[in-house]
Amino acid sequence: MTLKEKRRPAAVILFLVTLFLLPGCRSEDGRIAEFNGGRASIVFLGDSITIGYLASRPSNTFAALVEADLNDEGLQTQSQIFISVDPNTNLPVTANAMATDPDIVVVELGVHSVAAGDITEDVFRTLYGQLLDCVAGGDTVVVAGTVPWLGWERDSPAYEKAALLSEVIKQEAAKNDVAVADLWSATRLREGFVSSAEDPSFLPPYRGDSFHPADAGHALIARVYLEELRDELKRPPERPSERECP
């Protein structure tokens, strides 16, 4: 499911994984474990990176690492993964995800909009704003990620568009009081972030493709999300109680 400069035919994959983790050690101040009585349902809303391309094993995907870390800090979790690979269908997939009434939502969407020629800045702003209107309601903890760098050369059209869309994500998140995991700033041009041909994948027959993150890349993505999640879990958001989902 490699995505380069050309847009693939429109497709939507809904990939649902439920994972139960047992509670681990309580964090030093205990506040994360106290969130929602020490239990939380998590939705990971994303694309092939959220599935785990090209981590070497399921436990090395960023989603698994995020959940394992929260578990180690005393939060018993149940997770689901919802996948969309077409920017025009992100909203219905998001609505399906929010129908599960999650406590926490981690958003990793934007990469496919970089390669989609018909997704201009204005179109992306509208689509992403609608997505956040759907997820940011009530007391749900939401963290939205900017676009991760996926090997694009500096000054290439894809690099410039990814930087632009990352700024749009920040702006739309601010309107909805949503925390931002700035993946773009943390990953751009970072050596060792994307996979190489020598890197194995737990999803055969794929191997490293100089595009999707390697294990080190997934670990970095997880750290950036966790920095924001820890803060958000310690201060429940104050937002309007109603969501605007289709």
Protein backbone atom coordinates (compact mmCIF):
# COMPACT_ATOMS: atom_id res chain seq x y z
CA MET A 1 0.00 0.00 0.00
CA THR A 2 2.83 2.32 -0.84
CA LEU A 3 1.84 5.89 -1.54
CA LYS A 4 4.23 8.00 -3.64
CA GLU A 5 3.65 11.10 -5.73
CA LYS A 6 0.82 9.53 -7.76
CA ARG A 7 -2.61 8.97 -6.30
CA ARG A 8 -3.87 5.41 -6.25
CA PRO A 9 -7.47 4.63 -7.26
CA ALA A 10 -9.89 5.62 -4.53
CA ALA A 11 -10.27 2.89 -1.96
CA VAL A 12 -11.40 2.62 1.60
CA ILE A 13 -10.32 -0.08 3.98
CA LEU A 14 -11.97 -0.43 7.32
CA PHE A 15 -9.64 -2.43 9.50
CA LEU A 16 -10.89 -3.13 13.01
CA VAL A 17 -8.64 -4.59 15.66
CA THR A 18 -9.69 -5.06 19.25
CA LEU A 19 -6.93 -5.50 21.79
CA PHE A 20 -7.29 -5.97 25.52
CA LEU A 21 -4.35 -5.05 27.75
CA LEU A 22 -4.06 -5.84 31.42
CA PRO A 23 -3.22 -3.04 33.84
CA GLY A 24 0.45 -2.46 34.52
CA CYS A 25 2.35 -0.33 37.02
CA ARG A 26 0.87 2.93 38.21
CA SER A 27 2.59 6.12 37.12
CA GLU A 28 4.45 8.13 39.75
CA ASP A 29 1.72 10.71 40.27
CA GLY A 30 -1.13 8.29 39.54
CA ARG A 31 -3.16 10.78 37.56
CA ILE A 32 -3.13 8.92 34.26
CA ALA A 33 -4.36 5.78 35.98
CA GLU A 34 -7.15 7.81 37.58
CA PHE A 35 -8.52 8.88 34.19
CA ASN A 36 -12.03 7.46 33.77
CA GLY A 37 -11.58 5.13 36.73
CA GLY A 38 -8.44 3.55 35.30
CA ARG A 39 -10.16 2.21 32.17
CA ALA A 40 -10.36 3.67 28.68
CA SER A 41 -11.47 2.74 25.19
CA ILE A 42 -9.13 4.04 22.49
CA VAL A 43 -9.77 4.62 18.79
CA PHE A 44 -6.80 4.93 16.46
CA LEU A 45 -8.02 6.67 13.31
CA GLY A 46 -5.51 6.58 10.49
CA ASP A 47 -4.05 4.99 7.38
CA SER A 48 -1.39 2.39 6.54
CA ILE A 49 0.97 3.89 9.12
CA THR A 50 -1.61 3.24 11.84
CA ILE A 51 -1.96 -0.35 10.61
CA GLY A 52 1.78 -0.64 11.14
CA TYR A 53 3.52 -0.51 7.76
CA LEU A 54 6.53 -1.24 7.94
CA ALA A 55 7.14 -2.26 11.54
CA SER A 56 8.96 -5.55 12.02
CA ARG A 57 6.36 -6.94 14.43
CA PRO A 58 2.86 -5.96 15.63
CA SER A 59 4.17 -4.84 19.02
CA ASN A 60 6.45 -2.30 17.30
CA THR A 61 3.69 -0.33 15.59
CA PHE A 62 3.16 3.14 16.97
CA ALA A 63 -0.40 2.31 18.02
CA ALA A 64 0.74 -0.73 19.98
CA LEU A 65 3.54 1.27 21.59
CA VAL A 66 1.19 4.06 22.63
CA GLU A 67 -1.24 1.65 24.19
CA ALA A 68 1.45 -0.41 25.91
CA ASP A 69 2.93 2.72 27.48
CA LEU A 70 -0.44 3.90 28.79
CA ASN A 71 -1.00 0.41 30.15
CA ASP A 72 2.33 0.50 31.93
CA GLU A 73 1.22 3.74 33.57
CA GLY A 74 -1.87 2.08 35.02
CA LEU A 75 -4.57 2.61 32.40
CA GLN A 76 -6.46 -0.53 31.40
CA THR A 77 -7.35 -0.13 27.74
CA GLN A 78 -9.42 -1.57 24.93
CA SER A 79 -8.47 -0.35 21.45
CA GLN A 80 -9.94 -0.28 17.98
CA ILE A 81 -8.31 0.75 14.71
CA PHE A 82 -10.26 2.43 11.91
CA ILE A 83 -8.54 2.91 8.57
CA SER A 84 -9.22 5.22 5.63
CA VAL A 85 -6.94 5.55 2.61
CA ASP A 86 -9.09 8.01 0.66
CA PRO A 87 -9.31 11.62 1.92
CA ASN A 88 -12.85 11.91 0.59
CA THR A 89 -14.07 9.07 2.82
CA ASN A 90 -12.29 10.04 6.05
CA LEU A 91 -15.48 11.54 7.46
CA PRO A 92 -17.77 8.48 7.17
CA VAL A 93 -15.02 6.29 8.58
CA THR A 94 -14.64 8.77 11.43
CA ALA A 95 -18.39 8.70 12.08
CA ASN A 96 -18.23 4.89 12.32
CA ALA A 97 -15.36 5.18 14.76
CA MET A 98 -17.15 7.70 16.96
CA ALA A 99 -20.25 5.50 17.05
CA THR A 100 -18.24 3.28 19.41
CA ASP A 101 -18.16 6.18 21.93
CA PRO A 102 -14.41 6.07 22.67
CA ASP A 103 -12.75 7.76 25.62
CA ILE A 104 -9.59 8.56 23.64
CA VAL A 105 -9.08 9.23 19.92
CA VAL A 106 -5.69 9.31 18.21
CA VAL A 107 -5.87 10.78 14.68
CA GLU A 108 -3.18 10.03 12.06
CA LEU A 109 -4.61 11.23 8.74
CA GLY A 110 -3.17 13.50 6.08
CA VAL A 111 -0.54 11.49 4.23
CA HIS A 112 -2.93 10.43 1.48
CA SER A 113 -4.00 14.02 0.98
CA VAL A 114 -0.38 14.90 0.16
CA ALA A 115 -0.46 12.68 -2.93
CA ALA A 116 -4.06 13.41 -3.93
CA GLY A 117 -3.93 16.04 -6.65
CA ASP A 118 -7.53 17.11 -6.14
CA ILE A 119 -7.04 17.77 -2.42
CA THR A 120 -6.08 21.44 -2.34
CA GLU A 121 -5.37 23.39 0.83
CA ASP A 122 -8.93 24.68 0.97
CA VAL A 123 -10.46 21.26 0.34
CA PHE A 124 -8.25 19.68 2.99
CA ARG A 125 -9.13 22.41 5.48
CA THR A 126 -12.82 21.74 4.97
CA LEU A 127 -12.49 17.95 5.18
CA TYR A 128 -10.21 17.99 8.22
CA GLY A 129 -12.34 20.57 9.98
CA GLN A 130 -15.39 18.36 9.50
CA LEU A 131 -13.44 15.39 10.85
CA LEU A 132 -12.48 17.28 14.01
CA ASP A 133 -16.05 18.52 14.44
CA CYS A 134 -17.00 14.84 14.56
CA VAL A 135 -14.37 13.64 17.04
CA ALA A 136 -14.07 16.63 19.37
CA GLY A 137 -17.15 16.52 21.52
CA GLY A 138 -18.04 15.85 25.12
CA ASP A 139 -15.20 14.66 27.33
CA THR A 140 -13.41 12.57 24.69
CA VAL A 141 -9.65 13.08 24.78
CA VAL A 142 -8.44 13.77 21.24
CA VAL A 143 -4.90 14.12 19.88
CA ALA A 144 -4.45 14.89 16.18
CA GLY A 145 -1.14 14.28 14.46
CA THR A 146 0.35 16.45 11.75
CA VAL A 147 1.67 14.74 8.62
CA PRO A 148 4.76 12.60 9.26
CA TRP A 149 7.70 13.00 6.88
CA LEU A 150 7.88 10.00 4.56
CA GLY A 151 11.18 10.39 2.77
CA TRP A 152 10.22 13.32 0.55
CA GLU A 153 13.14 15.42 -0.64
CA ARG A 154 13.36 18.97 0.62
CA ASP A 155 11.73 21.43 -1.79
CA SER A 156 9.85 18.65 -3.57
CA PRO A 157 6.12 19.28 -4.17
CA ALA A 158 5.21 16.52 -1.70
CA TYR A 159 7.49 17.94 1.00
CA GLU A 160 6.01 21.41 0.59
CA LYS A 161 2.44 20.13 0.58
CA ALA A 162 3.02 18.00 3.68
CA ALA A 163 4.36 21.05 5.50
CA LEU A 164 1.36 23.09 4.36
CA LEU A 165 -1.22 20.50 5.38
CA SER A 166 0.49 20.11 8.75
CA GLU A 167 -0.08 23.82 9.39
CA VAL A 168 -3.73 23.42 8.40
CA ILE A 169 -4.08 20.57 10.89
CA LYS A 170 -2.68 22.78 13.66
CA GLN A 171 -5.05 25.60 12.78
CA GLU A 172 -8.14 23.42 12.63
CA ALA A 173 -7.17 21.66 15.85
CA ALA A 174 -6.87 25.01 17.61
CA LYS A 175 -10.43 25.88 16.58
CA ASN A 176 -11.68 22.69 18.24
CA ASP A 177 -9.45 22.79 21.35
CA VAL A 178 -7.74 19.59 20.16
CA ALA A 179 -4.17 18.77 21.16
CA VAL A 180 -1.66 18.34 18.34
CA ALA A 181 1.14 15.80 18.09
CA ASP A 182 3.53 17.61 15.74
CA LEU A 183 4.83 14.64 13.79
CA TRP A 184 6.05 16.83 10.94
CA SER A 185 8.45 18.82 13.09
CA ALA A 186 9.68 15.70 14.88
CA THR A 187 10.26 13.53 11.80
CA ARG A 188 11.13 15.68 8.77
CA LEU A 189 14.44 14.75 7.15
CA ARG A 190 15.25 12.57 10.14
CA GLU A 191 17.79 9.88 9.32
CA GLY A 192 16.58 6.35 10.04
CA PHE A 193 12.92 7.33 10.27
CA VAL A 194 11.71 5.71 7.05
CA SER A 195 12.32 2.05 6.22
CA SER A 196 14.98 0.73 3.86
CA ALA A 197 14.99 -2.36 1.63
CA GLU A 198 16.74 -4.33 4.38
CA ASP A 199 13.97 -3.75 6.91
CA PRO A 200 11.53 -6.64 7.40
CA SER A 201 7.79 -6.18 7.89
CA PHE A 202 5.36 -8.23 9.95
CA LEU A 203 2.94 -7.86 7.02
CA PRO A 204 4.24 -10.14 4.24
CA PRO A 205 5.26 -9.79 1.46
CA TYR A 206 6.15 -6.18 2.24
CA ARG A 207 9.64 -4.99 3.10
CA GLY A 208 11.16 -1.57 3.65
CA ASP A 209 10.20 0.89 0.91
CA SER A 210 11.98 4.18 1.79
CA PHE A 211 8.53 5.60 2.52
CA HIS A 212 6.75 3.99 5.47
CA PRO A 213 8.40 4.26 8.89
CA ALA A 214 10.77 1.62 10.18
CA ASP A 215 10.67 0.45 13.81
CA ALA A 216 12.59 3.54 14.91
CA GLY A 217 10.09 5.70 13.05
CA HIS A 218 7.10 4.08 14.74
CA ALA A 219 8.81 4.51 18.12
CA LEU A 220 9.30 8.23 17.44
CA ILE A 221 5.69 8.69 16.34
CA ALA A 222 4.54 6.96 19.53
CA ARG A 223 6.68 9.26 21.70
CA VAL A 224 5.27 12.38 20.09
CA TYR A 225 1.68 11.22 20.58
CA LEU A 226 2.36 10.13 24.15
CA GLU A 227 3.74 13.54 25.12
CA GLU A 228 0.39 15.10 24.25
CA LEU A 229 -1.75 12.25 25.52
CA ARG A 230 -0.21 12.35 28.99
CA ASP A 231 -1.05 16.03 29.33
CA GLU A 232 -4.58 15.60 27.97
CA LEU A 233 -5.36 12.63 30.23
CA LYS A 234 -4.51 14.76 33.23
CA ARG A 235 -6.88 17.55 32.25
CA PRO A 236 -10.20 16.41 30.76
CA PRO A 237 -11.18 18.78 27.92
CA GLU A 238 -14.05 21.21 28.20
CA ARG A 239 -15.94 21.20 24.92
CA PRO A 240 -19.53 21.38 23.70
CA SER A 241 -21.32 18.12 24.47
CA GLU A 242 -22.62 17.55 20.97
CA ARG A 243 -20.59 16.21 18.04
CA GLU A 244 -21.30 17.03 14.43
CA CYS A 245 -21.05 13.71 12.62
CA PRO A 246 -22.87 12.72 9.43
